[in-house]
Amino acid sequence: TYYYLKLYHLKRSDLKLYPKRCILAHLLSLYIVPLFYGTKRIKAEQPVVEMDGDEMTRIIWEFIKEKLILPNVDVELKYFDLGLPYRDQTNDQVTIDSALATQKYNVAIKCATITPDEARVEEFKLKKMWKSPNGTIRNILGGTVFREPILCKNIPRLVTGWTQAITIGRHAFGDQYRATDFVVDQPGKFKMVFAPADGSQQKEWEVYNFLAGGCGLGMYNTDESISGFAHSCFQYAIQKRWPLYMSTKNTILKAYDGRFKDIFQDIFEKDYKPEFDKLKIWYEHRLIDDMVAQVLKSSGGFVWACKNYDGDVQSDILAQGFGSLGLMTSVLVCPDGKTIEAEAAHGTVTRHYREHQRGKPTSTNPIASIFAWTRGLEHRGKLDGNPDLMKFCQTLERVCVTTVENGVMTKDLAGCIHGLANCKLGEHYVNTTDFLDAIKTNLDKVLSK
């Protein structure tokens, strides 16, 4: 299908406009394309949802899929184009559809996407400033985003004491990301009202009496979502055999953050304490400021559960502390423990895309995007009882790491070793395509043994 689309210069999202050509595309995909890939591909029994993205990561994404994944894995991809132009064309319905498909098939693999601001609205002539696709997907799926660094021996860490990885679990629902905020330009009272559904007496809180202009915010979370967050974190800690820390500011937000603390503690005591004791690991609540200091002093080897905003900020600090945002995995794990969405932890690399548009070569790190594919497909293998698929994913991840450790890397990683100002193309780093070609060559060598 891919080669057919290239021939007609079509996007997959345009297929419905060409029903007759779809028939030929289907026949090509069944009988012709396999000739390019050979017959030794690993069969995935169930489909995987693919969410395409934007800019430089979209270009890299296509290479990864067509050169590293599809020649080795026979998988049905349920394709959704989450590139900003098509999101705008569908009034963002494609984002919702992709999340619903993820619920159906349990595994999604997502490319980095643009979250538009005022400048992007003008650049793409958008109908409106669409919300973050990640936020939309997470609000439908719920769950927890787990981010963990990819460790390479030759990439120095800014925090030298981190000898083991640290996994951060970010609550993927509510708080500032589903808040209502506003600006006022005159005196007045800001109130919050809760009207019970049973018609009983409503409750009212006076938040602030504005004497002049200012701003306000109302946000929320739910017991159901917090409970799902807790279960995901406890299960992940058991899987990793690492202790779990949960951080809030319950000394200030006594009711709001206190609710997180209480629900976590109740679930731990009721459902997980015996298993934690058996594994000789532990659960502990910490104040966020104390936890940040403790993380910097630690050697790693634990799971850190964070509220939505805290996880957003601290995951980037962890990534940079371990070396690079380009060496960070990101997996959304739903409360059912069965449904996941894997993605890269970084953005669309706009600056490199501008260089690419000018016809200039770039040195963009594709490793996090490759790991999005491997983490998603590995989970597909776990669900389906497919050890060959799981082994392939582990092999590709190992090849990525050993390629870097053998001295072939992109500029961002070379900068961690030599300093960006000292890096020279060909001596310290290679271009994007050369790095991807090196990974493909090394993967083919390993798989041929």
Protein backbone atom coordinates (compact mmCIF):
# COMPACT_ATOMS: atom_id res chain seq x y z
CA THR A 1 0.00 0.00 0.00
CA TYR A 2 2.86 2.35 0.86
CA TYR A 3 4.48 2.05 -2.56
CA TYR A 4 1.14 2.49 -4.29
CA LEU A 5 0.47 5.68 -2.35
CA LYS A 6 3.91 7.00 -3.22
CA LEU A 7 3.18 6.31 -6.89
CA TYR A 8 0.00 8.39 -6.78
CA HIS A 9 1.36 11.00 -4.32
CA LEU A 10 -1.44 10.26 -1.85
CA LYS A 11 -1.71 10.32 1.93
CA ARG A 12 -3.28 7.30 3.60
CA SER A 13 -5.95 9.65 4.91
CA ASP A 14 -6.97 10.30 1.28
CA LEU A 15 -7.73 6.65 0.50
CA LYS A 16 -11.45 7.00 1.08
CA LEU A 17 -11.55 9.51 -1.79
CA TYR A 18 -10.27 6.88 -4.24
CA PRO A 19 -12.28 3.66 -3.66
CA LYS A 20 -11.30 2.02 -6.98
CA ARG A 21 -7.64 2.67 -6.37
CA CYS A 22 -8.05 1.21 -2.88
CA ILE A 23 -8.78 -2.18 -4.41
CA LEU A 24 -5.54 -2.11 -6.39
CA ALA A 25 -3.67 -0.83 -3.35
CA HIS A 26 -5.01 -3.73 -1.30
CA LEU A 27 -3.94 -6.25 -3.95
CA LEU A 28 -0.51 -4.66 -4.13
CA SER A 29 -0.14 -4.84 -0.36
CA LEU A 30 -1.13 -8.51 -0.36
CA TYR A 31 0.88 -9.83 -3.31
CA ILE A 32 3.52 -7.34 -4.49
CA VAL A 33 4.87 -5.51 -1.42
CA PRO A 34 5.82 -8.77 0.37
CA LEU A 35 8.32 -9.37 -2.44
CA PHE A 36 10.24 -6.29 -1.23
CA TYR A 37 10.27 -7.51 2.36
CA GLY A 38 10.95 -11.20 1.91
CA THR A 39 9.31 -14.10 3.73
CA LYS A 40 11.00 -14.13 7.17
CA ARG A 41 8.84 -11.49 8.77
CA ILE A 42 7.43 -12.05 12.26
CA LYS A 43 3.65 -12.18 12.21
CA ALA A 44 1.75 -9.99 14.69
CA GLU A 45 -1.61 -11.64 15.23
CA GLN A 46 -3.53 -8.49 16.16
CA PRO A 47 -3.49 -4.95 14.70
CA VAL A 48 -1.66 -1.94 16.10
CA VAL A 49 -2.87 1.66 15.90
CA GLU A 50 -0.40 3.97 14.15
CA MET A 51 -0.68 7.72 14.77
CA ASP A 52 1.38 9.75 12.30
CA GLY A 53 2.74 13.16 13.26
CA ASP A 54 4.40 16.36 12.11
CA GLU A 55 7.58 17.93 10.76
CA MET A 56 10.98 16.25 11.20
CA THR A 57 9.65 13.42 13.31
CA ARG A 58 7.12 12.56 10.58
CA ILE A 59 9.96 12.15 8.07
CA ILE A 60 12.00 10.00 10.45
CA TRP A 61 8.86 8.03 11.35
CA GLU A 62 8.39 6.91 7.74
CA PHE A 63 11.99 5.71 7.51
CA ILE A 64 11.71 3.74 10.76
CA LYS A 65 8.50 2.09 9.65
CA GLU A 66 9.56 1.23 6.10
CA LYS A 67 13.22 0.33 6.74
CA LEU A 68 13.34 -1.11 10.26
CA ILE A 69 9.87 -2.35 11.20
CA LEU A 70 7.89 -3.58 8.18
CA PRO A 71 10.76 -5.55 6.56
CA ASN A 72 10.88 -7.61 9.76
CA VAL A 73 7.35 -7.52 11.21
CA ASP A 74 4.11 -8.41 9.42
CA VAL A 75 1.64 -6.24 11.32
CA GLU A 76 -1.67 -4.68 10.34
CA LEU A 77 -1.45 -0.95 11.07
CA LYS A 78 -4.66 0.97 11.75
CA TYR A 79 -3.43 4.30 10.40
CA PHE A 80 -4.51 7.73 11.65
CA ASP A 81 -2.94 10.90 10.26
CA LEU A 82 -2.49 13.19 13.27
CA GLY A 83 -0.49 15.69 11.24
CA LEU A 84 -1.79 19.19 12.00
CA PRO A 85 -3.26 19.84 8.51
CA TYR A 86 -5.43 16.71 8.67
CA ARG A 87 -6.46 17.38 12.27
CA ASP A 88 -7.66 20.77 11.08
CA GLN A 89 -9.39 19.24 8.05
CA THR A 90 -11.33 16.81 10.28
CA ASN A 91 -11.99 19.35 13.07
CA ASP A 92 -9.75 17.18 15.28
CA GLN A 93 -12.10 14.20 14.94
CA VAL A 94 -9.17 12.08 13.72
CA THR A 95 -7.52 12.50 17.13
CA ILE A 96 -10.64 11.27 18.92
CA ASP A 97 -10.98 8.38 16.46
CA SER A 98 -7.38 7.33 17.06
CA ALA A 99 -7.93 7.21 20.82
CA LEU A 100 -11.11 5.15 20.41
CA ALA A 101 -9.24 2.76 18.12
CA THR A 102 -6.56 2.42 20.79
CA GLN A 103 -9.23 1.35 23.27
CA LYS A 104 -10.35 -1.28 20.76
CA TYR A 105 -6.96 -2.71 19.77
CA ASN A 106 -5.07 -2.04 23.06
CA VAL A 107 -1.82 -0.87 21.44
CA ALA A 108 -1.00 2.46 19.78
CA ILE A 109 2.30 3.85 18.50
CA LYS A 110 2.39 7.63 18.12
CA CYS A 111 4.68 10.03 16.28
CA ALA A 112 5.37 13.46 17.79
CA THR A 113 2.75 16.10 16.89
CA ILE A 114 2.39 19.89 16.89
CA THR A 115 0.27 21.53 19.58
CA PRO A 116 -0.70 24.78 17.85
CA ASP A 117 -0.20 28.24 19.34
CA GLU A 118 -1.05 31.60 17.77
CA ALA A 119 1.94 31.42 15.42
CA ARG A 120 0.99 27.92 14.23
CA VAL A 121 -2.62 28.98 13.66
CA GLU A 122 -1.32 31.64 11.29
CA GLU A 123 1.31 29.38 9.68
CA PHE A 124 -1.15 26.58 8.87
CA LYS A 125 -4.22 28.85 8.40
CA LEU A 126 -6.08 26.75 10.95
CA LYS A 127 -9.80 27.00 11.64
CA LYS A 128 -9.04 27.35 15.35
CA MET A 129 -6.32 26.72 17.92
CA TRP A 130 -6.80 22.98 18.38
CA LYS A 131 -5.98 21.42 21.74
CA SER A 132 -2.96 19.23 22.37
CA PRO A 133 -3.54 15.85 20.67
CA ASN A 134 -1.67 14.19 23.52
CA GLY A 135 -4.03 15.83 26.01
CA THR A 136 -7.09 14.74 24.01
CA ILE A 137 -5.85 11.16 23.75
CA ARG A 138 -4.86 10.96 27.43
CA ASN A 139 -8.18 12.37 28.59
CA ILE A 140 -10.00 9.64 26.64
CA LEU A 141 -7.70 6.80 27.66
CA GLY A 142 -6.82 7.93 31.19
CA GLY A 143 -3.93 6.18 32.89
CA THR A 144 -0.33 7.12 33.55
CA VAL A 145 2.52 8.22 31.29
CA PHE A 146 5.70 6.36 32.26
CA ARG A 147 8.95 7.92 31.06
CA GLU A 148 12.29 6.22 31.44
CA PRO A 149 15.77 7.10 30.11
CA ILE A 150 17.60 5.00 27.54
CA LEU A 151 21.06 4.46 28.99
CA CYS A 152 24.21 4.44 26.83
CA LYS A 153 27.55 3.86 28.56
CA ASN A 154 29.39 6.56 26.62
CA ILE A 155 26.80 9.33 27.07
CA PRO A 156 27.75 11.26 30.23
CA ARG A 157 25.04 12.24 32.70
CA LEU A 158 24.66 15.74 34.03
CA VAL A 159 23.71 14.13 37.34
CA THR A 160 26.69 11.83 37.69
CA GLY A 161 25.30 10.00 40.71
CA TRP A 162 22.46 8.48 38.67
CA THR A 163 23.90 5.02 38.08
CA GLN A 164 20.47 3.42 37.55
CA ALA A 165 17.47 4.59 35.56
CA ILE A 166 14.58 6.47 37.17
CA THR A 167 11.06 5.94 35.85
CA ILE A 168 8.65 8.84 36.25
CA GLY A 169 4.93 8.11 36.24
CA ARG A 170 2.90 11.17 35.23
CA HIS A 171 -0.83 11.20 35.93
CA ALA A 172 -2.38 11.73 32.50
CA PHE A 173 -5.70 13.28 33.48
CA GLY A 174 -7.10 16.54 34.81
CA ASP A 175 -5.55 19.30 36.94
CA GLN A 176 -4.18 22.22 34.87
CA TYR A 177 -4.65 20.24 31.64
CA ARG A 178 -8.44 20.22 31.92
CA ALA A 179 -8.76 23.46 33.85
CA THR A 180 -10.88 26.53 33.16
CA ASP A 181 -8.86 29.72 33.41
CA PHE A 182 -9.76 33.34 32.78
CA VAL A 183 -8.64 36.95 32.96
CA VAL A 184 -10.65 39.80 34.53
CA ASP A 185 -10.12 43.51 33.98
CA GLN A 186 -12.24 44.96 36.79
CA PRO A 187 -13.02 44.50 40.50
CA GLY A 188 -15.27 41.60 41.47
CA LYS A 189 -15.59 38.33 43.37
CA PHE A 190 -14.34 34.97 42.15
CA LYS A 191 -16.48 32.12 43.52
CA MET A 192 -16.64 28.35 43.09
CA VAL A 193 -19.96 26.53 43.29
CA PHE A 194 -20.73 22.81 43.57
CA ALA A 195 -24.32 21.83 42.76
CA PRO A 196 -25.03 18.19 43.83
CA ALA A 197 -26.77 16.09 41.17
CA ASP A 198 -29.35 14.95 43.73
CA GLY A 199 -30.66 18.49 44.08
CA SER A 200 -29.47 18.94 47.65
CA GLN A 201 -28.04 22.18 49.02
CA GLN A 202 -25.28 23.54 46.81
CA LYS A 203 -21.93 24.53 48.27
CA GLU A 204 -20.15 27.78 47.53
CA TRP A 205 -16.61 28.97 48.15
CA GLU A 206 -15.37 32.54 47.76
CA VAL A 207 -11.92 32.27 46.22
CA TYR A 208 -10.84 35.91 45.93
CA ASN A 209 -12.16 39.44 45.93
CA PHE A 210 -10.47 41.25 43.03
CA LEU A 211 -9.82 44.95 43.64
CA ALA A 212 -8.57 45.34 40.06
CA GLY A 213 -7.66 43.13 37.10
CA GLY A 214 -6.21 39.66 37.54
CA CYS A 215 -6.61 36.02 36.56
CA GLY A 216 -8.26 32.90 37.95
CA LEU A 217 -8.27 29.14 37.56
CA GLY A 218 -10.59 26.27 38.39
CA MET A 219 -9.40 22.67 38.04
CA TYR A 220 -10.43 19.20 39.13
CA ASN A 221 -9.69 15.50 39.29
CA THR A 222 -11.74 12.40 40.05
CA ASP A 223 -11.43 9.54 42.53
CA GLU A 224 -11.73 7.10 39.63
CA SER A 225 -8.83 8.66 37.73
CA ILE A 226 -6.61 8.98 40.80
CA SER A 227 -7.32 5.33 41.67
CA GLY A 228 -6.40 4.24 38.14
CA PHE A 229 -3.21 6.30 38.42
CA ALA A 230 -2.36 4.58 41.71
CA HIS A 231 -2.99 1.06 40.39
CA SER A 232 -0.85 1.74 37.29
CA CYS A 233 2.05 2.99 39.43
CA PHE A 234 1.92 0.13 41.94
CA GLN A 235 1.75 -2.45 39.13
CA TYR A 236 4.63 -0.80 37.28
CA ALA A 237 6.79 -0.74 40.43
CA ILE A 238 6.11 -4.46 40.96
CA GLN A 239 7.03 -5.14 37.32
CA LYS A 240 10.30 -3.20 37.70
CA ARG A 241 10.90 -4.54 41.25
CA TRP A 242 11.65 -0.98 42.30
CA PRO A 243 10.33 1.11 45.21
CA LEU A 244 7.62 3.67 44.47
CA TYR A 245 7.56 7.29 45.66
CA MET A 246 4.53 9.54 45.23
CA SER A 247 4.94 13.31 45.55
CA THR A 248 2.39 16.08 46.24
CA LYS A 249 2.18 19.42 48.04
CA ASN A 250 -0.49 18.27 50.49
CA THR A 251 0.77 20.68 53.16
CA ILE A 252 -0.59 23.54 51.02
CA LEU A 253 -3.39 21.86 49.04
CA LYS A 254 -4.68 19.92 52.02
CA ALA A 255 -7.92 18.76 50.37
CA TYR A 256 -6.82 18.50 46.71
CA ASP A 257 -3.37 16.94 47.07
CA GLY A 258 -4.47 15.26 50.27
CA ARG A 259 -6.98 13.30 48.20
CA PHE A 260 -4.16 11.91 46.05
CA LYS A 261 -2.16 10.97 49.15
CA ASP A 262 -5.10 9.25 50.87
CA ILE A 263 -6.23 7.26 47.81
CA PHE A 264 -2.69 6.03 47.12
CA GLN A 265 -2.23 4.95 50.73
CA ASP A 266 -5.59 3.16 50.90
CA ILE A 267 -4.97 1.24 47.67
CA PHE A 268 -1.45 0.31 48.73
CA GLU A 269 -2.59 -1.07 52.10
CA LYS A 270 -5.53 -2.94 50.59
CA ASP A 271 -4.07 -4.36 47.35
CA TYR A 272 -0.28 -4.16 47.11
CA LYS A 273 1.51 -4.15 50.47
CA PRO A 274 1.99 -7.96 50.68
CA GLU A 275 3.53 -8.09 47.18
CA PHE A 276 5.79 -5.10 47.92
CA ASP A 277 6.95 -6.77 51.16
CA LYS A 278 7.62 -10.00 49.30
CA LEU A 279 9.80 -8.18 46.75
CA LYS A 280 11.48 -6.14 49.53
CA ILE A 281 10.44 -2.86 47.94
CA TRP A 282 8.40 -0.07 49.48
CA TYR A 283 5.93 2.74 48.87
CA GLU A 284 6.36 6.19 50.36
CA HIS A 285 4.68 9.59 50.00
CA ARG A 286 6.98 12.64 49.88
CA LEU A 287 6.45 16.38 49.56
CA ILE A 288 7.36 17.44 46.01
CA ASP A 289 10.16 19.82 47.08
CA ASP A 290 11.69 17.20 49.38
CA MET A 291 11.36 14.60 46.62
CA VAL A 292 13.16 16.74 44.04
CA ALA A 293 16.10 17.12 46.39
CA GLN A 294 16.06 13.40 47.17
CA VAL A 295 16.04 12.49 43.46
CA LEU A 296 19.16 14.56 42.81
CA LYS A 297 20.98 12.91 45.73
CA SER A 298 19.90 9.38 44.79
CA SER A 299 21.59 6.77 42.60
CA GLY A 300 18.30 5.98 40.80
CA GLY A 301 16.46 2.68 40.67
CA PHE A 302 12.92 3.72 41.63
CA VAL A 303 9.54 4.77 40.22
CA TRP A 304 8.39 8.34 40.92
CA ALA A 305 4.64 9.00 40.71
CA CYS A 306 3.84 12.65 39.90
CA LYS A 307 0.68 14.66 39.44
CA ASN A 308 0.05 15.86 35.89
CA TYR A 309 1.94 19.18 35.92
CA ASP A 310 4.76 17.93 38.16
CA GLY A 311 5.30 14.99 35.82
CA ASP A 312 5.34 17.26 32.78
CA VAL A 313 8.15 19.35 34.26
CA GLN A 314 10.17 16.74 36.12
CA SER A 315 10.26 14.25 33.23
CA ASP A 316 12.17 16.77 31.11
CA ILE A 317 14.57 17.42 33.99
CA LEU A 318 15.17 13.68 34.29
CA ALA A 319 15.71 13.32 30.54
CA GLN A 320 18.32 16.07 30.46
CA GLY A 321 19.92 14.83 33.66
CA PHE A 322 20.43 11.43 32.07
CA GLY A 323 21.88 12.99 28.91
CA SER A 324 19.25 13.94 26.33
CA LEU A 325 15.53 14.24 25.63
CA GLY A 326 16.33 12.13 22.58
CA LEU A 327 17.07 9.23 24.93
CA MET A 328 13.76 8.97 26.76
CA THR A 329 10.91 6.50 26.32
CA SER A 330 7.29 7.47 26.94
CA VAL A 331 4.46 4.96 27.38
CA LEU A 332 0.89 5.74 28.43
CA VAL A 333 -0.39 2.79 30.48
CA CYS A 334 -4.16 2.67 31.01
CA PRO A 335 -5.72 1.55 34.31
CA ASP A 336 -6.71 -1.81 32.80
CA GLY A 337 -3.01 -2.64 32.50
CA LYS A 338 -3.73 -3.90 28.98
CA THR A 339 -4.02 -0.77 26.84
CA ILE A 340 -0.96 1.37 26.08
CA GLU A 341 0.15 4.17 23.78
CA ALA A 342 3.89 4.47 23.10
CA GLU A 343 5.48 7.67 21.80
CA ALA A 344 8.69 9.69 21.81
CA ALA A 345 9.11 12.03 24.78
CA HIS A 346 10.29 14.94 22.61
CA GLY A 347 8.58 17.24 20.12
CA THR A 348 8.56 17.52 16.33
CA VAL A 349 12.09 19.05 16.08
CA THR A 350 10.91 22.14 14.19
CA ARG A 351 14.35 23.73 13.86
CA HIS A 352 15.71 20.68 12.05
CA TYR A 353 12.60 20.53 9.87
CA ARG A 354 13.23 24.10 8.69
CA GLU A 355 16.74 23.05 7.67
CA HIS A 356 15.30 20.00 5.90
CA GLN A 357 12.86 22.23 4.00
CA ARG A 358 15.83 24.28 2.75
CA GLY A 359 17.42 21.10 1.43
CA LYS A 360 20.10 20.99 4.11
CA PRO A 361 21.04 17.76 5.91
CA THR A 362 20.21 17.45 9.60
CA SER A 363 21.47 15.35 12.47
CA THR A 364 18.24 14.46 14.26
CA ASN A 365 18.16 11.76 16.92
CA PRO A 366 15.58 9.06 15.98
CA ILE A 367 16.15 6.73 18.94
CA ALA A 368 13.12 7.81 21.01
CA SER A 369 10.89 7.35 17.95
CA ILE A 370 12.37 3.90 17.32
CA PHE A 371 11.68 2.97 20.94
CA ALA A 372 8.08 4.12 20.50
CA TRP A 373 7.72 1.40 17.86
CA THR A 374 9.56 -1.23 19.89
CA ARG A 375 7.71 -0.57 23.16
CA GLY A 376 4.36 -0.68 21.38
CA LEU A 377 5.14 -3.83 19.40
CA GLU A 378 6.69 -5.52 22.43
CA HIS A 379 3.45 -4.95 24.34
CA ARG A 380 1.54 -6.36 21.37
CA GLY A 381 3.75 -9.42 21.68
CA LYS A 382 3.07 -9.71 25.42
CA LEU A 383 -0.69 -9.50 24.92
CA ASP A 384 -0.66 -12.05 22.10
CA GLY A 385 1.89 -14.44 23.61
CA ASN A 386 4.33 -13.79 20.76
CA PRO A 387 7.92 -14.24 22.06
CA ASP A 388 9.44 -13.79 18.58
CA LEU A 389 7.95 -10.31 18.29
CA MET A 390 9.12 -9.40 21.78
CA LYS A 391 12.62 -10.65 21.01
CA PHE A 392 12.78 -8.60 17.80
CA CYS A 393 11.85 -5.44 19.70
CA GLN A 394 14.48 -6.09 22.36
CA THR A 395 17.04 -6.76 19.64
CA LEU A 396 16.30 -3.48 17.83
CA GLU A 397 16.58 -1.54 21.09
CA ARG A 398 19.91 -3.22 21.86
CA VAL A 399 21.18 -2.41 18.35
CA CYS A 400 20.32 1.29 18.85
CA VAL A 401 22.27 1.42 22.10
CA THR A 402 25.30 -0.50 20.82
CA THR A 403 25.43 1.67 17.68
CA VAL A 404 25.80 4.75 19.89
CA GLU A 405 28.24 3.01 22.23
CA ASN A 406 30.36 2.09 19.20
CA GLY A 407 30.72 5.77 18.35
CA VAL A 408 28.07 6.32 15.66
CA MET A 409 25.61 8.95 16.87
CA THR A 410 23.72 12.15 16.08
CA LYS A 411 24.91 15.64 16.98
CA ASP A 412 22.87 16.01 20.18
CA LEU A 413 24.54 12.93 21.67
CA ALA A 414 27.99 13.90 20.43
CA GLY A 415 27.44 17.26 22.12
CA CYS A 416 26.95 15.50 25.44
CA ILE A 417 30.45 14.03 25.06
CA HIS A 418 32.46 16.74 23.31
CA GLY A 419 30.36 19.89 23.73
CA LEU A 420 28.23 21.12 20.82
CA ALA A 421 30.72 23.84 19.88
CA ASN A 422 33.46 21.24 19.37
CA CYS A 423 31.47 18.69 17.36
CA LYS A 424 32.48 18.03 13.77
CA LEU A 425 30.42 16.18 11.17
CA GLY A 426 32.05 12.90 10.20
CA GLU A 427 34.46 12.97 13.12
CA HIS A 428 32.07 13.12 16.07
CA TYR A 429 28.61 12.68 14.59
CA VAL A 430 26.71 11.68 11.45
CA ASN A 431 23.61 12.96 9.67
CA THR A 432 20.12 11.63 10.32
CA THR A 433 20.00 9.33 7.31
CA ASP A 434 23.51 7.98 7.91
CA PHE A 435 22.63 7.17 11.52
CA LEU A 436 19.43 5.40 10.51
CA ASP A 437 21.31 3.51 7.79
CA ALA A 438 23.88 2.43 10.40
CA ILE A 439 21.12 1.10 12.65
CA LYS A 440 19.54 -0.76 9.73
CA THR A 441 22.89 -2.29 8.74
CA ASN A 442 23.64 -3.36 12.31
CA LEU A 443 20.12 -4.74 12.78
CA ASP A 444 20.34 -6.76 9.57
CA LYS A 445 23.67 -8.23 10.71
CA VAL A 446 22.25 -9.29 14.07
CA LEU A 447 19.08 -10.75 12.57
CA SER A 448 21.00 -12.71 9.93
CA LYS A 449 22.98 -14.65 12.54
